[in-house]
Amino acid sequence: VPLFRSMGFEVVPLYCEMDGRFPNHHPDPTVVKNMKELAATVLREKADLGIAYDGDADRIGVVDELGNSLWGDELTLLFARELLKSEPGAAVVGEVKCSMRMYDQIAKAGGRPIMWKAGHSLIKAKMKEEGALLAGEMSGHIFWKHRYFGFDDAVYSSARLLEILTHSDQKLSQVLADVPPTFATEELRVDTVEEKKFEIVRRTVQHFKDQGYKVVDVDGVRVVFEDGWGLVRSSNTQPILVLRFEATTEKRLAEIRSLVEGALAKIQKTV
């Protein structure tokens, strides 16, 4: 709060008191219900945006002036398009759960989008390997090498966002308004057996390769269609499979989800 006030912004604090008991809600900006009070405050105060952090402020959540949340891949795209104005051709790393809109639009803006494994240590290593200036995850980790040190600092990301908006004549809700919309699920979690999860994913990768589908297998299996994709990956820390789907229409979203989940269900029975 003092930092943003020192930059000349009017700040309305919300749950900024230090309290490890988390009396209001757990500090996770990726949980929709956790952002509702922030969105309501933005609307009530007629603020330009709202910003939320996790407990150690390395993950960011953002609400625009209309009360709508921007997720990690949307923020990464927003930052990437601004970055590419001064650093044409720059590499930008994203994880496998990120929207196809992000990858497509970064390439359209002249950048080099790189899809990689989820996990902040893996992302940072890939950034170093590729010489990337920016990276982002759905979880709200945004990593900056441009004018920074190459790690995820949500307060710094906030300052970069405020810098962009200060020099723009657009509201936050308008900055990505030109990006074609898609339909996507949230991150879906399927319980499984710890000892079987990696074998299930391995067989799912092989199934879709054998069927002739385009597959990205850097982290699980992302089955790519002309108008969407479906993801199956195993959690590295829990006995669960993580699924996500995206498509250009709701009908195709349902079809892709049905295809991938149907194949997965059959494979699970054989492992």
C-alpha atoms as a PDB file:
ATOM      1  CA  VAL A   1       0.000   0.000   0.000  1.00  0.00           C
ATOM      2  CA  PRO A   2       2.723   2.566   0.862  1.00  0.00           C
ATOM      3  CA  LEU A   3       4.534   1.743  -2.399  1.00  0.00           C
ATOM      4  CA  PHE A   4       1.513   2.444  -4.585  1.00  0.00           C
ATOM      5  CA  ARG A   5       0.629   5.562  -2.637  1.00  0.00           C
ATOM      6  CA  SER A   6       4.203   6.792  -3.076  1.00  0.00           C
ATOM      7  CA  MET A   7       3.701   6.328  -6.830  1.00  0.00           C
ATOM      8  CA  GLY A   8       0.745   8.706  -6.679  1.00  0.00           C
ATOM      9  CA  PHE A   9      -2.140   6.228  -6.724  1.00  0.00           C
ATOM     10  CA  GLU A  10      -5.186   6.349  -4.490  1.00  0.00           C
ATOM     11  CA  VAL A  11      -5.358   3.022  -2.655  1.00  0.00           C
ATOM     12  CA  VAL A  12      -8.302   1.410  -0.858  1.00  0.00           C
ATOM     13  CA  PRO A  13      -6.865  -1.369   1.382  1.00  0.00           C
ATOM     14  CA  LEU A  14      -8.806  -4.607   1.796  1.00  0.00           C
ATOM     15  CA  TYR A  15      -7.655  -7.212   4.341  1.00  0.00           C
ATOM     16  CA  CYS A  16      -4.110  -5.841   4.425  1.00  0.00           C
ATOM     17  CA  GLU A  17      -3.588  -6.529   8.140  1.00  0.00           C
ATOM     18  CA  MET A  18      -1.008  -9.221   8.878  1.00  0.00           C
ATOM     19  CA  ASP A  19      -2.795 -12.217  10.417  1.00  0.00           C
ATOM     20  CA  GLY A  20      -1.603 -15.757   9.805  1.00  0.00           C
ATOM     21  CA  ARG A  21      -5.003 -17.134  10.839  1.00  0.00           C
ATOM     22  CA  PHE A  22      -6.465 -15.676   7.613  1.00  0.00           C
ATOM     23  CA  PRO A  23      -9.782 -14.628   9.207  1.00  0.00           C
ATOM     24  CA  ASN A  24     -11.352 -13.437   5.932  1.00  0.00           C
ATOM     25  CA  HIS A  25     -10.354 -16.195   3.522  1.00  0.00           C
ATOM     26  CA  HIS A  26      -7.279 -18.139   2.458  1.00  0.00           C
ATOM     27  CA  PRO A  27      -4.969 -15.858   0.423  1.00  0.00           C
ATOM     28  CA  ASP A  28      -5.256 -17.581  -2.950  1.00  0.00           C
ATOM     29  CA  PRO A  29      -6.140 -15.225  -5.833  1.00  0.00           C
ATOM     30  CA  THR A  30      -6.904 -18.115  -8.198  1.00  0.00           C
ATOM     31  CA  VAL A  31      -9.981 -19.166  -6.196  1.00  0.00           C
ATOM     32  CA  VAL A  32     -13.019 -17.373  -7.645  1.00  0.00           C
ATOM     33  CA  LYS A  33     -14.853 -16.908  -4.351  1.00  0.00           C
ATOM     34  CA  ASN A  34     -11.776 -15.263  -2.815  1.00  0.00           C
ATOM     35  CA  MET A  35     -11.977 -12.483  -5.416  1.00  0.00           C
ATOM     36  CA  LYS A  36     -15.662 -11.630  -4.976  1.00  0.00           C
ATOM     37  CA  GLU A  37     -15.185  -9.071  -2.193  1.00  0.00           C
ATOM     38  CA  LEU A  38     -12.341  -7.424  -4.098  1.00  0.00           C
ATOM     39  CA  ALA A  39     -14.546  -7.180  -7.195  1.00  0.00           C
ATOM     40  CA  ALA A  40     -17.394  -5.727  -5.127  1.00  0.00           C
ATOM     41  CA  THR A  41     -15.033  -3.160  -3.591  1.00  0.00           C
ATOM     42  CA  VAL A  42     -13.739  -2.136  -7.029  1.00  0.00           C
ATOM     43  CA  LEU A  43     -17.301  -1.522  -8.206  1.00  0.00           C
ATOM     44  CA  ARG A  44     -18.346   0.275  -5.026  1.00  0.00           C
ATOM     45  CA  GLU A  45     -15.304   2.558  -5.002  1.00  0.00           C
ATOM     46  CA  LYS A  46     -15.384   3.032  -8.793  1.00  0.00           C
ATOM     47  CA  ALA A  47     -11.738   1.972  -8.821  1.00  0.00           C
ATOM     48  CA  ASP A  48      -9.703   1.418 -11.981  1.00  0.00           C
ATOM     49  CA  LEU A  49      -8.656  -2.066 -10.875  1.00  0.00           C
ATOM     50  CA  GLY A  50      -8.220  -4.373  -7.912  1.00  0.00           C
ATOM     51  CA  ILE A  51      -5.111  -6.388  -7.044  1.00  0.00           C
ATOM     52  CA  ALA A  52      -4.834  -9.483  -4.833  1.00  0.00           C
ATOM     53  CA  TYR A  53      -1.853 -11.522  -3.640  1.00  0.00           C
ATOM     54  CA  ASP A  54      -1.215 -14.906  -2.133  1.00  0.00           C
ATOM     55  CA  GLY A  55       0.429 -15.256   1.277  1.00  0.00           C
ATOM     56  CA  ASP A  56       3.999 -14.553   0.176  1.00  0.00           C
ATOM     57  CA  ALA A  57       3.109 -12.186  -2.691  1.00  0.00           C
ATOM     58  CA  ASP A  58       4.652 -14.169  -5.523  1.00  0.00           C
ATOM     59  CA  ARG A  59       1.239 -14.789  -7.153  1.00  0.00           C
ATOM     60  CA  ILE A  60      -1.082 -12.065  -8.385  1.00  0.00           C
ATOM     61  CA  GLY A  61      -4.785 -11.834  -9.111  1.00  0.00           C
ATOM     62  CA  VAL A  62      -6.318  -8.823 -10.873  1.00  0.00           C
ATOM     63  CA  VAL A  63      -9.866  -7.499 -11.230  1.00  0.00           C
ATOM     64  CA  ASP A  64     -10.718  -4.909 -13.887  1.00  0.00           C
ATOM     65  CA  GLU A  65     -12.944  -1.851 -13.381  1.00  0.00           C
ATOM     66  CA  LEU A  66     -16.008  -3.927 -14.282  1.00  0.00           C
ATOM     67  CA  GLY A  67     -15.286  -6.485 -11.572  1.00  0.00           C
ATOM     68  CA  ASN A  68     -14.061  -9.213 -13.932  1.00  0.00           C
ATOM     69  CA  SER A  69     -10.968 -11.248 -13.079  1.00  0.00           C
ATOM     70  CA  LEU A  70      -7.923 -11.518 -15.320  1.00  0.00           C
ATOM     71  CA  TRP A  71      -6.202 -14.857 -14.939  1.00  0.00           C
ATOM     72  CA  GLY A  72      -2.515 -15.635 -15.159  1.00  0.00           C
ATOM     73  CA  ASP A  73      -2.418 -16.319 -18.889  1.00  0.00           C
ATOM     74  CA  GLU A  74      -4.367 -13.141 -19.643  1.00  0.00           C
ATOM     75  CA  LEU A  75      -1.967 -11.078 -17.548  1.00  0.00           C
ATOM     76  CA  THR A  76       0.991 -12.746 -19.251  1.00  0.00           C
ATOM     77  CA  LEU A  77      -0.441 -11.827 -22.655  1.00  0.00           C
ATOM     78  CA  LEU A  78      -1.107  -8.257 -21.542  1.00  0.00           C
ATOM     79  CA  PHE A  79       2.457  -7.894 -20.284  1.00  0.00           C
ATOM     80  CA  ALA A  80       3.929  -9.658 -23.326  1.00  0.00           C
ATOM     81  CA  ARG A  81       2.245  -7.379 -25.853  1.00  0.00           C
ATOM     82  CA  GLU A  82       3.562  -4.335 -24.023  1.00  0.00           C
ATOM     83  CA  LEU A  83       7.032  -5.865 -23.682  1.00  0.00           C
ATOM     84  CA  LEU A  84       7.219  -6.697 -27.388  1.00  0.00           C
ATOM     85  CA  LYS A  85       6.807  -3.034 -28.301  1.00  0.00           C
ATOM     86  CA  SER A  86      10.333  -2.412 -27.003  1.00  0.00           C
ATOM     87  CA  GLU A  87      11.748  -5.948 -27.298  1.00  0.00           C
ATOM     88  CA  PRO A  88      10.547  -7.350 -30.654  1.00  0.00           C
ATOM     89  CA  GLY A  89      11.073 -11.076 -31.036  1.00  0.00           C
ATOM     90  CA  ALA A  90      11.424 -11.662 -27.303  1.00  0.00           C
ATOM     91  CA  ALA A  91      10.803 -15.159 -25.947  1.00  0.00           C
ATOM     92  CA  VAL A  92       7.898 -15.593 -23.523  1.00  0.00           C
ATOM     93  CA  VAL A  93       7.421 -18.834 -21.578  1.00  0.00           C
ATOM     94  CA  GLY A  94       4.024 -20.199 -20.559  1.00  0.00           C
ATOM     95  CA  GLU A  95       2.837 -23.462 -19.033  1.00  0.00           C
ATOM     96  CA  VAL A  96       0.712 -26.162 -20.649  1.00  0.00           C
ATOM     97  CA  LYS A  97      -2.512 -25.012 -18.956  1.00  0.00           C
ATOM     98  CA  CYS A  98      -2.366 -21.545 -20.547  1.00  0.00           C
ATOM     99  CA  SER A  99      -4.874 -20.480 -23.189  1.00  0.00           C
ATOM    100  CA  MET A 100      -4.208 -20.892 -26.891  1.00  0.00           C
ATOM    101  CA  ARG A 101      -5.188 -17.222 -27.110  1.00  0.00           C
ATOM    102  CA  MET A 102      -2.057 -16.334 -25.165  1.00  0.00           C
ATOM    103  CA  TYR A 103       0.306 -18.302 -27.405  1.00  0.00           C
ATOM    104  CA  ASP A 104      -1.380 -17.222 -30.646  1.00  0.00           C
ATOM    105  CA  GLN A 105      -1.476 -13.542 -29.728  1.00  0.00           C
ATOM    106  CA  ILE A 106       2.126 -13.450 -28.502  1.00  0.00           C
ATOM    107  CA  ALA A 107       3.222 -14.886 -31.853  1.00  0.00           C
ATOM    108  CA  LYS A 108       0.971 -12.423 -33.684  1.00  0.00           C
ATOM    109  CA  ALA A 109       2.626  -9.567 -31.781  1.00  0.00           C
ATOM    110  CA  GLY A 110       6.049 -10.721 -32.968  1.00  0.00           C
ATOM    111  CA  GLY A 111       7.099 -12.689 -29.911  1.00  0.00           C
ATOM    112  CA  ARG A 112       8.388 -16.235 -29.534  1.00  0.00           C
ATOM    113  CA  PRO A 113       5.950 -18.131 -27.296  1.00  0.00           C
ATOM    114  CA  ILE A 114       7.321 -21.240 -25.585  1.00  0.00           C
ATOM    115  CA  MET A 115       5.063 -23.832 -23.950  1.00  0.00           C
ATOM    116  CA  TRP A 116       6.642 -25.562 -20.973  1.00  0.00           C
ATOM    117  CA  LYS A 117       6.030 -27.559 -17.815  1.00  0.00           C
ATOM    118  CA  ALA A 118       4.070 -26.130 -14.880  1.00  0.00           C
ATOM    119  CA  GLY A 119       6.042 -25.261 -11.747  1.00  0.00           C
ATOM    120  CA  HIS A 120       7.946 -22.115 -10.853  1.00  0.00           C
ATOM    121  CA  SER A 121      11.378 -23.778 -10.628  1.00  0.00           C
ATOM    122  CA  LEU A 122      10.893 -25.411 -14.041  1.00  0.00           C
ATOM    123  CA  ILE A 123       9.659 -22.169 -15.588  1.00  0.00           C
ATOM    124  CA  LYS A 124      12.619 -20.191 -14.240  1.00  0.00           C
ATOM    125  CA  ALA A 125      15.053 -22.771 -15.584  1.00  0.00           C
ATOM    126  CA  LYS A 126      13.382 -22.652 -19.011  1.00  0.00           C
ATOM    127  CA  MET A 127      13.529 -18.849 -19.006  1.00  0.00           C
ATOM    128  CA  LYS A 128      17.261 -18.998 -18.411  1.00  0.00           C
ATOM    129  CA  GLU A 129      17.749 -21.653 -21.098  1.00  0.00           C
ATOM    130  CA  GLU A 130      15.773 -19.684 -23.713  1.00  0.00           C
ATOM    131  CA  GLY A 131      16.872 -16.197 -22.681  1.00  0.00           C
ATOM    132  CA  ALA A 132      13.211 -15.312 -22.136  1.00  0.00           C
ATOM    133  CA  LEU A 133      12.303 -11.897 -20.734  1.00  0.00           C
ATOM    134  CA  LEU A 134       8.899 -12.903 -19.348  1.00  0.00           C
ATOM    135  CA  ALA A 135       6.992 -15.989 -18.238  1.00  0.00           C
ATOM    136  CA  GLY A 136       3.619 -16.690 -16.690  1.00  0.00           C
ATOM    137  CA  GLU A 137       1.479 -19.412 -15.183  1.00  0.00           C
ATOM    138  CA  MET A 138      -2.272 -19.785 -14.687  1.00  0.00           C
ATOM    139  CA  SER A 139      -1.596 -19.734 -10.953  1.00  0.00           C
ATOM    140  CA  GLY A 140      -0.633 -16.060 -11.104  1.00  0.00           C
ATOM    141  CA  HIS A 141       3.138 -16.505 -11.005  1.00  0.00           C
ATOM    142  CA  ILE A 142       4.526 -13.869 -13.396  1.00  0.00           C
ATOM    143  CA  PHE A 143       8.290 -13.995 -13.918  1.00  0.00           C
ATOM    144  CA  TRP A 144      10.189 -10.906 -15.079  1.00  0.00           C
ATOM    145  CA  LYS A 145      13.680 -10.819 -16.557  1.00  0.00           C
ATOM    146  CA  HIS A 146      12.977  -7.546 -18.380  1.00  0.00           C
ATOM    147  CA  ARG A 147      14.110  -4.728 -16.060  1.00  0.00           C
ATOM    148  CA  TYR A 148      14.132  -7.235 -13.191  1.00  0.00           C
ATOM    149  CA  PHE A 149      15.834 -10.337 -11.796  1.00  0.00           C
ATOM    150  CA  GLY A 150      14.046 -13.250 -13.464  1.00  0.00           C
ATOM    151  CA  PHE A 151      11.716 -14.357 -10.688  1.00  0.00           C
ATOM    152  CA  ASP A 152       8.071 -14.084  -9.694  1.00  0.00           C
ATOM    153  CA  ASP A 153       7.258 -10.956  -7.678  1.00  0.00           C
ATOM    154  CA  ALA A 154       3.575 -10.035  -7.627  1.00  0.00           C
ATOM    155  CA  VAL A 155       4.197  -6.559  -6.214  1.00  0.00           C
ATOM    156  CA  TYR A 156       6.566  -5.829  -9.092  1.00  0.00           C
ATOM    157  CA  SER A 157       3.993  -7.198 -11.550  1.00  0.00           C
ATOM    158  CA  SER A 158       1.459  -4.809 -10.010  1.00  0.00           C
ATOM    159  CA  ALA A 159       3.793  -1.887 -10.597  1.00  0.00           C
ATOM    160  CA  ARG A 160       4.322  -2.939 -14.226  1.00  0.00           C
ATOM    161  CA  LEU A 161       0.556  -3.185 -14.715  1.00  0.00           C
ATOM    162  CA  LEU A 162       0.017   0.265 -13.240  1.00  0.00           C
ATOM    163  CA  GLU A 163       2.765   1.614 -15.497  1.00  0.00           C
ATOM    164  CA  ILE A 164       0.989   0.222 -18.566  1.00  0.00           C
ATOM    165  CA  LEU A 165      -2.391   1.635 -17.566  1.00  0.00           C
ATOM    166  CA  THR A 166      -0.906   5.019 -16.692  1.00  0.00           C
ATOM    167  CA  HIS A 167       0.455   5.380 -20.226  1.00  0.00           C
ATOM    168  CA  SER A 168      -2.678   4.026 -21.916  1.00  0.00           C
ATOM    169  CA  ASP A 169      -5.937   5.754 -22.774  1.00  0.00           C
ATOM    170  CA  GLN A 170      -7.758   2.427 -22.343  1.00  0.00           C
ATOM    171  CA  LYS A 171      -9.451   0.987 -19.292  1.00  0.00           C
ATOM    172  CA  LEU A 172      -8.122  -2.366 -18.105  1.00  0.00           C
ATOM    173  CA  SER A 173     -11.211  -4.132 -19.494  1.00  0.00           C
ATOM    174  CA  GLN A 174     -10.389  -2.728 -22.943  1.00  0.00           C
ATOM    175  CA  VAL A 175      -6.717  -3.689 -23.159  1.00  0.00           C
ATOM    176  CA  LEU A 176      -7.401  -7.256 -24.350  1.00  0.00           C
ATOM    177  CA  ALA A 177     -10.805  -6.562 -25.912  1.00  0.00           C
ATOM    178  CA  ASP A 178      -9.411  -7.143 -29.417  1.00  0.00           C
ATOM    179  CA  VAL A 179      -8.397 -10.726 -28.603  1.00  0.00           C
ATOM    180  CA  PRO A 180     -10.898 -13.236 -30.063  1.00  0.00           C
ATOM    181  CA  PRO A 181     -12.851 -14.898 -27.247  1.00  0.00           C
ATOM    182  CA  THR A 182     -12.731 -18.608 -26.481  1.00  0.00           C
ATOM    183  CA  PHE A 183     -14.573 -20.936 -24.131  1.00  0.00           C
ATOM    184  CA  ALA A 184     -12.598 -22.811 -21.485  1.00  0.00           C
ATOM    185  CA  THR A 185     -13.091 -24.921 -18.414  1.00  0.00           C
ATOM    186  CA  GLU A 186     -11.483 -24.203 -15.099  1.00  0.00           C
ATOM    187  CA  GLU A 187      -8.704 -26.521 -13.965  1.00  0.00           C
ATOM    188  CA  LEU A 188     -10.429 -29.865 -13.349  1.00  0.00           C
ATOM    189  CA  ARG A 189      -9.049 -32.364 -10.842  1.00  0.00           C
ATOM    190  CA  VAL A 190      -9.620 -36.106 -11.036  1.00  0.00           C
ATOM    191  CA  ASP A 191      -8.658 -38.339  -8.111  1.00  0.00           C
ATOM    192  CA  THR A 192      -6.378 -41.234  -8.974  1.00  0.00           C
ATOM    193  CA  VAL A 193      -3.845 -43.600  -7.400  1.00  0.00           C
ATOM    194  CA  GLU A 194      -0.404 -42.134  -6.723  1.00  0.00           C
ATOM    195  CA  GLU A 195       1.394 -45.220  -8.043  1.00  0.00           C
ATOM    196  CA  LYS A 196      -0.602 -45.198 -11.288  1.00  0.00           C
ATOM    197  CA  LYS A 197      -0.901 -41.514 -12.224  1.00  0.00           C
ATOM    198  CA  PHE A 198       2.229 -41.230 -14.375  1.00  0.00           C
ATOM    199  CA  GLU A 199       1.499 -44.482 -16.211  1.00  0.00           C
ATOM    200  CA  ILE A 200      -2.053 -43.297 -16.940  1.00  0.00           C
ATOM    201  CA  VAL A 201      -0.699 -40.106 -18.489  1.00  0.00           C
ATOM    202  CA  ARG A 202       1.974 -42.006 -20.434  1.00  0.00           C
ATOM    203  CA  ARG A 203      -0.668 -44.265 -21.964  1.00  0.00           C
ATOM    204  CA  THR A 204      -2.895 -41.281 -22.719  1.00  0.00           C
ATOM    205  CA  VAL A 205      -0.036 -39.611 -24.594  1.00  0.00           C
ATOM    206  CA  GLN A 206       0.553 -42.779 -26.600  1.00  0.00           C
ATOM    207  CA  HIS A 207      -3.159 -43.253 -27.313  1.00  0.00           C
ATOM    208  CA  PHE A 208      -3.571 -39.858 -28.948  1.00  0.00           C
ATOM    209  CA  LYS A 209      -0.286 -40.152 -30.843  1.00  0.00           C
ATOM    210  CA  ASP A 210      -1.388 -43.533 -32.189  1.00  0.00           C
ATOM    211  CA  GLN A 211      -4.701 -41.975 -33.253  1.00  0.00           C
ATOM    212  CA  GLY A 212      -2.821 -39.381 -35.305  1.00  0.00           C
ATOM    213  CA  TYR A 213      -3.647 -36.324 -33.228  1.00  0.00           C
ATOM    214  CA  LYS A 214      -1.239 -33.429 -32.801  1.00  0.00           C
ATOM    215  CA  VAL A 215       0.154 -33.804 -29.294  1.00  0.00           C
ATOM    216  CA  VAL A 216       2.288 -31.568 -27.077  1.00  0.00           C
ATOM    217  CA  ASP A 217       3.830 -33.810 -24.429  1.00  0.00           C
ATOM    218  CA  VAL A 218       6.228 -31.563 -22.519  1.00  0.00           C
ATOM    219  CA  ASP A 219       4.010 -31.956 -19.425  1.00  0.00           C
ATOM    220  CA  GLY A 220       1.360 -34.645 -19.721  1.00  0.00           C
ATOM    221  CA  VAL A 221      -0.596 -34.577 -22.964  1.00  0.00           C
ATOM    222  CA  ARG A 222      -2.084 -31.500 -24.611  1.00  0.00           C
ATOM    223  CA  VAL A 223      -4.122 -32.725 -27.573  1.00  0.00           C
ATOM    224  CA  VAL A 224      -4.272 -29.899 -30.115  1.00  0.00           C
ATOM    225  CA  PHE A 225      -7.149 -29.386 -32.556  1.00  0.00           C
ATOM    226  CA  GLU A 226      -7.608 -26.583 -35.094  1.00  0.00           C
ATOM    227  CA  ASP A 227     -10.214 -24.996 -32.855  1.00  0.00           C
ATOM    228  CA  GLY A 228      -9.206 -26.018 -29.348  1.00  0.00           C
ATOM    229  CA  TRP A 229      -7.274 -28.365 -27.093  1.00  0.00           C
ATOM    230  CA  GLY A 230      -7.581 -30.761 -24.179  1.00  0.00           C
ATOM    231  CA  LEU A 231      -5.024 -31.385 -21.439  1.00  0.00           C
ATOM    232  CA  VAL A 232      -4.339 -34.325 -19.149  1.00  0.00           C
ATOM    233  CA  ARG A 233      -1.372 -34.112 -16.793  1.00  0.00           C
ATOM    234  CA  SER A 234      -0.485 -35.604 -13.445  1.00  0.00           C
ATOM    235  CA  SER A 235       0.041 -33.474 -10.388  1.00  0.00           C
ATOM    236  CA  ASN A 236       3.630 -33.634  -9.177  1.00  0.00           C
ATOM    237  CA  THR A 237       2.584 -33.404  -5.528  1.00  0.00           C
ATOM    238  CA  GLN A 238      -0.843 -35.074  -5.200  1.00  0.00           C
ATOM    239  CA  PRO A 239      -2.591 -38.282  -6.377  1.00  0.00           C
ATOM    240  CA  ILE A 240      -4.674 -36.415  -8.933  1.00  0.00           C
ATOM    241  CA  LEU A 241      -4.877 -35.838 -12.668  1.00  0.00           C
ATOM    242  CA  VAL A 242      -5.303 -32.261 -13.873  1.00  0.00           C
ATOM    243  CA  LEU A 243      -7.533 -31.604 -16.890  1.00  0.00           C
ATOM    244  CA  ARG A 244      -8.351 -28.435 -18.793  1.00  0.00           C
ATOM    245  CA  PHE A 245     -10.142 -27.748 -22.079  1.00  0.00           C
ATOM    246  CA  GLU A 246     -10.543 -24.782 -24.437  1.00  0.00           C
ATOM    247  CA  ALA A 247     -12.262 -24.215 -27.791  1.00  0.00           C
ATOM    248  CA  THR A 248     -13.578 -21.475 -30.044  1.00  0.00           C
ATOM    249  CA  THR A 249     -17.220 -22.461 -29.406  1.00  0.00           C
ATOM    250  CA  GLU A 250     -19.122 -24.014 -26.516  1.00  0.00           C
ATOM    251  CA  LYS A 251     -20.160 -26.904 -28.764  1.00  0.00           C
ATOM    252  CA  ARG A 252     -16.563 -27.745 -29.647  1.00  0.00           C
ATOM    253  CA  LEU A 253     -15.539 -27.370 -26.019  1.00  0.00           C
ATOM    254  CA  ALA A 254     -18.059 -30.044 -25.058  1.00  0.00           C
ATOM    255  CA  GLU A 255     -16.959 -32.297 -27.947  1.00  0.00           C
ATOM    256  CA  ILE A 256     -13.252 -32.030 -27.137  1.00  0.00           C
ATOM    257  CA  ARG A 257     -13.888 -32.608 -23.449  1.00  0.00           C
ATOM    258  CA  SER A 258     -16.023 -35.661 -24.194  1.00  0.00           C
ATOM    259  CA  LEU A 259     -13.385 -37.116 -26.527  1.00  0.00           C
ATOM    260  CA  VAL A 260     -10.484 -36.682 -24.101  1.00  0.00           C
ATOM    261  CA  GLU A 261     -12.358 -37.669 -20.949  1.00  0.00           C
ATOM    262  CA  GLY A 262     -13.789 -40.719 -22.713  1.00  0.00           C
ATOM    263  CA  ALA A 263     -10.339 -41.919 -23.740  1.00  0.00           C
ATOM    264  CA  LEU A 264      -8.964 -41.222 -20.270  1.00  0.00           C
ATOM    265  CA  ALA A 265     -11.740 -43.210 -18.575  1.00  0.00           C
ATOM    266  CA  LYS A 266     -10.982 -46.263 -20.727  1.00  0.00           C
ATOM    267  CA  ILE A 267      -7.250 -45.984 -20.087  1.00  0.00           C
ATOM    268  CA  GLN A 268      -7.740 -45.688 -16.316  1.00  0.00           C
ATOM    269  CA  LYS A 269      -9.522 -49.049 -16.316  1.00  0.00           C
ATOM    270  CA  THR A 270      -6.531 -50.748 -17.950  1.00  0.00           C
ATOM    271  CA  VAL A 271      -3.833 -49.480 -15.577  1.00  0.00           C
END
